[in-house]
PDB file of N, CA and C in Angstrom:
ATOM      1  N   MET A   1      27.456  82.513  90.102  1.00  0.00           N
ATOM      2  CA  MET A   1      28.434  82.797  89.068  1.00  0.00           C
ATOM      3  C   MET A   1      28.006  81.822  87.799  1.00  0.00           C
ATOM      4  N   THR A   2      28.239  82.330  86.513  1.00  0.00           N
ATOM      5  CA  THR A   2      27.663  81.378  85.396  1.00  0.00           C
ATOM      6  C   THR A   2      29.070  80.802  85.115  1.00  0.00           C
ATOM      7  N   ASN A   3      29.220  80.028  84.200  1.00  0.00           N
ATOM      8  CA  ASN A   3      30.518  79.635  83.491  1.00  0.00           C
ATOM      9  C   ASN A   3      30.678  80.415  82.529  1.00  0.00           C
ATOM     10  N   LYS A   4      29.964  81.099  81.770  1.00  0.00           N
ATOM     11  CA  LYS A   4      29.776  82.244  81.007  1.00  0.00           C
ATOM     12  C   LYS A   4      31.052  83.530  81.534  1.00  0.00           C
ATOM     13  N   ALA A   5      30.442  83.789  82.668  1.00  0.00           N
ATOM     14  CA  ALA A   5      31.258  84.916  83.508  1.00  0.00           C
ATOM     15  C   ALA A   5      32.683  84.273  83.920  1.00  0.00           C
ATOM     16  N   VAL A   6      32.806  83.331  84.139  1.00  0.00           N
ATOM     17  CA  VAL A   6      34.087  82.600  84.130  1.00  0.00           C
ATOM     18  C   VAL A   6      35.182  82.660  83.094  1.00  0.00           C
ATOM     19  N   LEU A   7      34.153  82.083  82.229  1.00  0.00           N
ATOM     20  CA  LEU A   7      34.902  81.965  80.771  1.00  0.00           C
ATOM     21  C   LEU A   7      35.466  83.106  80.217  1.00  0.00           C
ATOM     22  N   ASP A   8      34.791  84.482  80.462  1.00  0.00           N
ATOM     23  CA  ASP A   8      35.099  85.678  80.215  1.00  0.00           C
ATOM     24  C   ASP A   8      36.319  86.457  80.616  1.00  0.00           C
ATOM     25  N   ALA A   9      36.220  86.061  82.329  1.00  0.00           N
ATOM     26  CA  ALA A   9      37.191  86.506  83.028  1.00  0.00           C
ATOM     27  C   ALA A   9      38.770  86.070  82.672  1.00  0.00           C
ATOM     28  N   LEU A  10      38.454  84.677  82.350  1.00  0.00           N
ATOM     29  CA  LEU A  10      39.735  83.719  82.048  1.00  0.00           C
ATOM     30  C   LEU A  10      40.668  84.345  80.973  1.00  0.00           C
ATOM     31  N   ASN A  11      39.360  84.516  79.904  1.00  0.00           N
ATOM     32  CA  ASN A  11      40.048  84.994  78.433  1.00  0.00           C
ATOM     33  C   ASN A  11      40.633  86.425  78.909  1.00  0.00           C
ATOM     34  N   GLN A  12      40.091  87.056  79.544  1.00  0.00           N
ATOM     35  CA  GLN A  12      40.682  88.563  79.688  1.00  0.00           C
ATOM     36  C   GLN A  12      42.021  88.497  80.638  1.00  0.00           C
ATOM     37  N   ILE A  13      41.748  87.711  81.308  1.00  0.00           N
ATOM     38  CA  ILE A  13      43.582  87.404  82.224  1.00  0.00           C
ATOM     39  C   ILE A  13      44.494  86.502  81.138  1.00  0.00           C
ATOM     40  N   LYS A  14      43.719  86.133  80.186  1.00  0.00           N
ATOM     41  CA  LYS A  14      45.180  85.908  79.047  1.00  0.00           C
ATOM     42  C   LYS A  14      45.907  86.857  78.689  1.00  0.00           C
ATOM     43  N   THR A  15      45.373  88.038  78.429  1.00  0.00           N
ATOM     44  CA  THR A  15      46.114  89.430  78.108  1.00  0.00           C
ATOM     45  C   THR A  15      47.442  89.803  78.966  1.00  0.00           C
ATOM     46  N   TYR A  16      46.998  89.489  80.685  1.00  0.00           N
ATOM     47  CA  TYR A  16      48.058  89.644  80.859  1.00  0.00           C
ATOM     48  C   TYR A  16      48.684  88.521  81.563  1.00  0.00           C
ATOM     49  N   CYS A  17      48.816  87.406  81.359  1.00  0.00           N
ATOM     50  CA  CYS A  17      49.346  86.160  81.772  1.00  0.00           C
ATOM     51  C   CYS A  17      50.740  85.800  81.044  1.00  0.00           C
ATOM     52  N   ALA A  18      51.429  85.447  82.622  1.00  0.00           N
ATOM     53  CA  ALA A  18      52.935  85.189  81.640  1.00  0.00           C
ATOM     54  C   ALA A  18      52.922  83.939  80.860  1.00  0.00           C
ATOM     55  N   ALA A  19      54.067  84.394  80.025  1.00  0.00           N
ATOM     56  CA  ALA A  19      53.783  83.279  78.689  1.00  0.00           C
ATOM     57  C   ALA A  19      53.862  81.904  79.323  1.00  0.00           C
ATOM     58  N   ASP A  20      54.821  81.536  80.216  1.00  0.00           N
ATOM     59  CA  ASP A  20      54.607  80.171  80.781  1.00  0.00           C
ATOM     60  C   ASP A  20      53.612  79.486  81.923  1.00  0.00           C
ATOM     61  N   LEU A  21      52.581  80.327  81.923  1.00  0.00           N
ATOM     62  CA  LEU A  21      51.542  79.883  82.649  1.00  0.00           C
ATOM     63  C   LEU A  21      50.440  79.996  81.343  1.00  0.00           C
ATOM     64  N   LEU A  22      50.352  80.345  80.039  1.00  0.00           N
ATOM     65  CA  LEU A  22      49.439  80.333  79.253  1.00  0.00           C
ATOM     66  C   LEU A  22      48.707  78.676  79.006  1.00  0.00           C
ATOM     67  N   ASP A  23      49.372  78.182  78.791  1.00  0.00           N
ATOM     68  CA  ASP A  23      49.418  76.770  78.525  1.00  0.00           C
ATOM     69  C   ASP A  23      48.230  76.191  79.680  1.00  0.00           C
ATOM     70  N   LYS A  24      48.727  76.253  81.098  1.00  0.00           N
ATOM     71  CA  LYS A  24      47.839  76.148  82.262  1.00  0.00           C
ATOM     72  C   LYS A  24      46.166  77.181  82.169  1.00  0.00           C
ATOM     73  N   LEU A  25      46.598  78.391  81.843  1.00  0.00           N
ATOM     74  CA  LEU A  25      44.968  78.713  81.603  1.00  0.00           C
ATOM     75  C   LEU A  25      44.346  78.367  80.832  1.00  0.00           C
ATOM     76  N   ASN A  26      44.876  78.338  79.357  1.00  0.00           N
ATOM     77  CA  ASN A  26      44.125  77.565  78.062  1.00  0.00           C
ATOM     78  C   ASN A  26      43.431  76.027  78.677  1.00  0.00           C
ATOM     79  N   TYR A  27      44.575  75.369  79.619  1.00  0.00           N
ATOM     80  CA  TYR A  27      43.954  74.092  79.924  1.00  0.00           C
ATOM     81  C   TYR A  27      42.322  74.636  80.940  1.00  0.00           C
ATOM     82  N   ALA A  28      42.505  75.292  81.598  1.00  0.00           N
ATOM     83  CA  ALA A  28      41.239  75.677  82.760  1.00  0.00           C
ATOM     84  C   ALA A  28      40.266  76.109  81.877  1.00  0.00           C
ATOM     85  N   ILE A  29      40.366  76.610  81.222  1.00  0.00           N
ATOM     86  CA  ILE A  29      39.472  77.618  80.062  1.00  0.00           C
ATOM     87  C   ILE A  29      38.596  76.138  79.399  1.00  0.00           C
ATOM     88  N   LYS A  30      39.589  75.564  78.789  1.00  0.00           N
ATOM     89  CA  LYS A  30      39.164  74.376  78.201  1.00  0.00           C
ATOM     90  C   LYS A  30      38.132  73.233  79.068  1.00  0.00           C
ATOM     91  N   VAL A  31      38.322  72.949  80.139  1.00  0.00           N
ATOM     92  CA  VAL A  31      37.785  72.384  81.106  1.00  0.00           C
ATOM     93  C   VAL A  31      36.364  72.793  81.528  1.00  0.00           C
ATOM     94  N   ILE A  32      36.361  74.287  81.963  1.00  0.00           N
ATOM     95  CA  ILE A  32      35.321  75.072  82.131  1.00  0.00           C
ATOM     96  C   ILE A  32      34.520  75.053  80.666  1.00  0.00           C
ATOM     97  N   GLU A  33      34.732  75.007  79.445  1.00  0.00           N
ATOM     98  CA  GLU A  33      34.094  75.043  78.253  1.00  0.00           C
ATOM     99  C   GLU A  33      33.484  73.842  78.304  1.00  0.00           C
ATOM    100  N   LYS A  34      34.125  72.567  78.497  1.00  0.00           N
ATOM    101  CA  LYS A  34      33.329  70.932  78.267  1.00  0.00           C
ATOM    102  C   LYS A  34      32.582  71.150  79.464  1.00  0.00           C
ATOM    103  N   LEU A  35      32.910  71.456  80.721  1.00  0.00           N
ATOM    104  CA  LEU A  35      31.878  71.406  81.845  1.00  0.00           C
ATOM    105  C   LEU A  35      30.414  71.843  81.256  1.00  0.00           C
ATOM    106  N   ASP A  36      30.836  73.087  80.714  1.00  0.00           N
ATOM    107  CA  ASP A  36      29.671  73.970  80.292  1.00  0.00           C
ATOM    108  C   ASP A  36      28.727  73.050  78.959  1.00  0.00           C
ATOM    109  N   ALA A  37      29.605  72.726  78.605  1.00  0.00           N
ATOM    110  CA  ALA A  37      28.993  71.794  77.002  1.00  0.00           C
ATOM    111  C   ALA A  37      28.292  70.783  77.645  1.00  0.00           C
ATOM    112  N   ASP A  38      28.613  70.273  78.597  1.00  0.00           N
ATOM    113  CA  ASP A  38      28.029  68.762  79.117  1.00  0.00           C
ATOM    114  C   ASP A  38      26.910  69.539  80.107  1.00  0.00           C
ATOM    115  N   GLY A  39      26.460  70.427  80.444  1.00  0.00           N
ATOM    116  CA  GLY A  39      25.770  70.921  80.814  1.00  0.00           C
ATOM    117  C   GLY A  39      25.988  71.312  82.496  1.00  0.00           C
ATOM    118  N   VAL A  40      26.857  70.991  82.867  1.00  0.00           N
ATOM    119  CA  VAL A  40      27.626  71.108  84.295  1.00  0.00           C
ATOM    120  C   VAL A  40      27.303  72.895  84.238  1.00  0.00           C
ATOM    121  N   GLU A  41      26.541  73.378  85.235  1.00  0.00           N
ATOM    122  CA  GLU A  41      26.201  74.892  85.327  1.00  0.00           C
ATOM    123  C   GLU A  41      26.909  75.458  86.610  1.00  0.00           C
ATOM    124  N   ASN A  42      26.839  74.446  87.655  1.00  0.00           N
ATOM    125  CA  ASN A  42      27.865  74.872  88.821  1.00  0.00           C
ATOM    126  C   ASN A  42      28.546  73.855  89.443  1.00  0.00           C
ATOM    127  N   PRO A  43      29.995  73.595  88.637  1.00  0.00           N
ATOM    128  CA  PRO A  43      30.576  72.457  88.939  1.00  0.00           C
ATOM    129  C   PRO A  43      31.274  72.417  90.248  1.00  0.00           C
ATOM    130  N   LEU A  44      31.424  73.711  91.121  1.00  0.00           N
ATOM    131  CA  LEU A  44      31.627  73.723  92.577  1.00  0.00           C
ATOM    132  C   LEU A  44      30.668  72.573  93.494  1.00  0.00           C
ATOM    133  N   LYS A  45      29.149  72.476  92.859  1.00  0.00           N
ATOM    134  CA  LYS A  45      28.040  72.183  93.743  1.00  0.00           C
ATOM    135  C   LYS A  45      27.648  70.486  92.913  1.00  0.00           C
ATOM    136  N   THR A  46      28.491  70.392  92.244  1.00  0.00           N
ATOM    137  CA  THR A  46      28.011  69.040  91.479  1.00  0.00           C
ATOM    138  C   THR A  46      28.849  67.691  91.687  1.00  0.00           C
ATOM    139  N   ASP A  47      28.091  66.792  91.789  1.00  0.00           N
ATOM    140  CA  ASP A  47      28.527  65.458  92.637  1.00  0.00           C
ATOM    141  C   ASP A  47      29.111  64.517  91.492  1.00  0.00           C
ATOM    142  N   PHE A  48      30.561  64.805  90.868  1.00  0.00           N
ATOM    143  CA  PHE A  48      31.032  63.999  90.062  1.00  0.00           C
ATOM    144  C   PHE A  48      31.326  62.111  90.303  1.00  0.00           C
ATOM    145  N   THR A  49      31.401  61.938  91.907  1.00  0.00           N
ATOM    146  CA  THR A  49      31.355  60.740  91.921  1.00  0.00           C
ATOM    147  C   THR A  49      29.981  59.988  91.467  1.00  0.00           C
ATOM    148  N   GLN A  50      29.035  60.252  90.843  1.00  0.00           N
ATOM    149  CA  GLN A  50      28.175  59.310  90.029  1.00  0.00           C
ATOM    150  C   GLN A  50      28.692  59.127  88.766  1.00  0.00           C
ATOM    151  N   LEU A  51      30.051  59.588  88.300  1.00  0.00           N
ATOM    152  CA  LEU A  51      30.022  59.542  86.708  1.00  0.00           C
ATOM    153  C   LEU A  51      30.391  57.903  86.702  1.00  0.00           C
ATOM    154  N   LYS A  52      30.122  57.458  85.495  1.00  0.00           N
ATOM    155  CA  LYS A  52      30.570  56.019  84.810  1.00  0.00           C
ATOM    156  C   LYS A  52      31.929  56.063  85.110  1.00  0.00           C
ATOM    157  N   LYS A  53      32.502  54.723  85.349  1.00  0.00           N
ATOM    158  CA  LYS A  53      34.211  54.449  85.269  1.00  0.00           C
ATOM    159  C   LYS A  53      34.348  54.643  83.952  1.00  0.00           C
ATOM    160  N   GLU A  54      33.870  54.320  83.037  1.00  0.00           N
ATOM    161  CA  GLU A  54      34.421  54.786  81.535  1.00  0.00           C
ATOM    162  C   GLU A  54      34.395  55.889  81.100  1.00  0.00           C
ATOM    163  N   ASN A  55      33.826  56.666  81.764  1.00  0.00           N
ATOM    164  CA  ASN A  55      34.078  58.252  81.520  1.00  0.00           C
ATOM    165  C   ASN A  55      35.280  58.840  81.633  1.00  0.00           C
ATOM    166  N   ARG A  56      36.217  58.084  82.887  1.00  0.00           N
ATOM    167  CA  ARG A  56      37.085  58.709  83.811  1.00  0.00           C
ATOM    168  C   ARG A  56      38.143  58.729  82.591  1.00  0.00           C
TER     169      ARG A  56
END
Protein backbone atom coordinates (compact mmCIF):
# COMPACT_ATOMS: atom_id res chain seq x y z
CA MET A 1 0.00 0.00 0.00
CA THR A 2 1.28 3.47 -0.79
CA ASN A 3 1.10 6.67 1.22
CA LYS A 4 -1.03 8.14 -1.58
CA ALA A 5 -3.55 5.30 -1.30
CA VAL A 6 -3.76 5.81 2.46
CA LEU A 7 -4.18 9.57 2.08
CA ASP A 8 -6.91 9.08 -0.52
CA ALA A 9 -8.76 6.69 1.81
CA LEU A 10 -8.41 8.95 4.85
CA ASN A 11 -9.67 11.95 2.89
CA GLN A 12 -12.68 9.93 1.74
CA ILE A 13 -13.35 8.89 5.33
CA LYS A 14 -13.51 12.57 6.31
CA THR A 15 -16.89 12.74 4.57
CA TYR A 16 -18.35 10.23 7.02
CA CYS A 17 -16.32 11.13 10.09
CA ALA A 18 -18.03 12.29 13.27
CA ALA A 19 -17.29 15.94 13.97
CA ASP A 20 -15.58 15.20 17.30
CA LEU A 21 -13.07 12.90 15.54
CA LEU A 22 -12.27 15.20 12.63
CA ASP A 23 -9.28 16.84 14.35
CA LYS A 24 -7.75 13.43 15.03
CA LEU A 25 -8.31 12.31 11.46
CA ASN A 26 -6.76 15.52 10.12
CA TYR A 27 -3.76 14.93 12.40
CA ALA A 28 -3.30 11.41 10.99
CA ILE A 29 -3.48 12.81 7.45
CA LYS A 30 -0.82 15.43 8.25
CA VAL A 31 1.45 12.73 9.73
CA ILE A 32 1.22 10.59 6.59
CA GLU A 33 1.74 13.67 4.38
CA LYS A 34 4.87 14.61 6.38
CA LEU A 35 6.26 11.09 6.21
CA ASP A 36 5.62 11.01 2.47
CA ALA A 37 7.24 14.42 1.97
CA ASP A 38 10.28 13.22 3.93
CA GLY A 39 10.61 10.19 1.68
CA VAL A 40 9.29 7.54 4.07
CA GLU A 41 7.56 5.19 1.67
CA ASN A 42 6.68 2.42 4.12
CA PRO A 43 6.27 3.79 7.68
CA LEU A 44 5.42 0.39 9.14
CA LYS A 45 8.77 -1.04 8.05
CA THR A 46 10.91 2.02 8.74
CA ASP A 47 13.38 2.03 11.63
CA PHE A 48 12.78 5.38 13.31
CA THR A 49 15.25 4.62 16.10
CA GLN A 50 18.03 5.98 13.92
CA LEU A 51 16.63 9.54 13.98
CA LYS A 52 18.79 12.19 15.57
CA LYS A 53 17.61 13.35 18.99
CA GLU A 54 17.29 16.98 17.83
CA ASN A 55 14.61 15.88 15.33
CA ARG A 56 12.37 14.51 18.09
